[in-house]
Amino acid sequence: MMSVACTDNCDTAMQFKADLEAAFPDIPYFYTGHLSLAVAVHTGPGAFGVVLCITR
């Protein structure tokens, strides 16, 4: 499962998500939204992140 989150540049994050989906079509996507304030305060504007969860 993969997730993408952003601070204030969600259009860029959504494009990045589309690129990831094209590159890795077999991985399900769970959530695209905003980074938590605890992360955003340290990264600043323009940041986005990706989470990959592998279960066995």
C-alpha atoms as a PDB file:
ATOM      1  CA  MET A   1       0.000   0.000   0.000  1.00  0.00           C
ATOM      2  CA  MET A   2       1.265   3.488  -0.822  1.00  0.00           C
ATOM      3  CA  SER A   3       0.184   6.933   0.335  1.00  0.00           C
ATOM      4  CA  VAL A   4       1.083  10.485  -0.727  1.00  0.00           C
ATOM      5  CA  ALA A   5       0.685  13.586   1.471  1.00  0.00           C
ATOM      6  CA  CYS A   6       1.529  17.272   1.003  1.00  0.00           C
ATOM      7  CA  THR A   7       1.810  20.584   2.840  1.00  0.00           C
ATOM      8  CA  ASP A   8       0.495  23.224   0.436  1.00  0.00           C
ATOM      9  CA  ASN A   9       1.422  21.893  -3.002  1.00  0.00           C
ATOM     10  CA  CYS A  10      -1.253  19.252  -3.409  1.00  0.00           C
ATOM     11  CA  ASP A  11      -1.377  19.651  -7.207  1.00  0.00           C
ATOM     12  CA  THR A  12       2.275  18.575  -7.392  1.00  0.00           C
ATOM     13  CA  ALA A  13       1.642  15.725  -4.962  1.00  0.00           C
ATOM     14  CA  MET A  14      -1.329  14.520  -7.042  1.00  0.00           C
ATOM     15  CA  GLN A  15       0.844  14.535 -10.186  1.00  0.00           C
ATOM     16  CA  PHE A  16       3.542  12.627  -8.311  1.00  0.00           C
ATOM     17  CA  LYS A  17       0.878  10.125  -7.187  1.00  0.00           C
ATOM     18  CA  ALA A  18      -0.199   9.660 -10.806  1.00  0.00           C
ATOM     19  CA  ASP A  19       3.445   9.085 -11.799  1.00  0.00           C
ATOM     20  CA  LEU A  20       3.829   6.507  -9.011  1.00  0.00           C
ATOM     21  CA  GLU A  21       0.619   4.738 -10.062  1.00  0.00           C
ATOM     22  CA  ALA A  22       1.915   4.540 -13.635  1.00  0.00           C
ATOM     23  CA  ALA A  23       5.311   3.253 -12.517  1.00  0.00           C
ATOM     24  CA  PHE A  24       3.936   0.790  -9.944  1.00  0.00           C
ATOM     25  CA  PRO A  25       0.458  -0.267 -11.133  1.00  0.00           C
ATOM     26  CA  ASP A  26       0.214  -3.286  -8.819  1.00  0.00           C
ATOM     27  CA  ILE A  27       0.537  -1.271  -5.593  1.00  0.00           C
ATOM     28  CA  PRO A  28      -2.784  -0.079  -4.128  1.00  0.00           C
ATOM     29  CA  TYR A  29      -3.049   3.558  -3.036  1.00  0.00           C
ATOM     30  CA  PHE A  30      -4.728   4.325   0.251  1.00  0.00           C
ATOM     31  CA  TYR A  31      -4.669   8.065   0.968  1.00  0.00           C
ATOM     32  CA  THR A  32      -3.631  11.359  -0.538  1.00  0.00           C
ATOM     33  CA  GLY A  33      -3.972  14.390   1.707  1.00  0.00           C
ATOM     34  CA  HIS A  34      -2.140  16.812   3.943  1.00  0.00           C
ATOM     35  CA  LEU A  35       0.941  16.125   6.026  1.00  0.00           C
ATOM     36  CA  SER A  36       0.377  16.409   9.747  1.00  0.00           C
ATOM     37  CA  LEU A  37       1.239  19.731  11.362  1.00  0.00           C
ATOM     38  CA  ALA A  38       4.025  18.019  13.318  1.00  0.00           C
ATOM     39  CA  VAL A  39       5.740  17.168  10.022  1.00  0.00           C
ATOM     40  CA  ALA A  40       4.773  20.302   8.088  1.00  0.00           C
ATOM     41  CA  VAL A  41       6.221  22.654  10.719  1.00  0.00           C
ATOM     42  CA  HIS A  42       9.651  21.067  10.174  1.00  0.00           C
ATOM     43  CA  THR A  43       9.531  20.659   6.394  1.00  0.00           C
ATOM     44  CA  GLY A  44       7.915  23.978   5.484  1.00  0.00           C
ATOM     45  CA  PRO A  45       5.875  24.870   2.428  1.00  0.00           C
ATOM     46  CA  GLY A  46       6.178  22.851  -0.741  1.00  0.00           C
ATOM     47  CA  ALA A  47       6.930  19.514   0.900  1.00  0.00           C
ATOM     48  CA  PHE A  48       5.266  16.240   0.144  1.00  0.00           C
ATOM     49  CA  GLY A  49       5.916  12.725   1.290  1.00  0.00           C
ATOM     50  CA  VAL A  50       5.340   9.127   0.286  1.00  0.00           C
ATOM     51  CA  VAL A  51       4.637   6.191   2.577  1.00  0.00           C
ATOM     52  CA  LEU A  52       5.090   2.606   1.455  1.00  0.00           C
ATOM     53  CA  CYS A  53       3.699  -0.140   3.667  1.00  0.00           C
ATOM     54  CA  ILE A  54       4.719  -3.709   2.916  1.00  0.00           C
ATOM     55  CA  THR A  55       2.856  -6.510   4.639  1.00  0.00           C
ATOM     56  CA  ARG A  56       3.665 -10.186   4.509  1.00  0.00           C
END
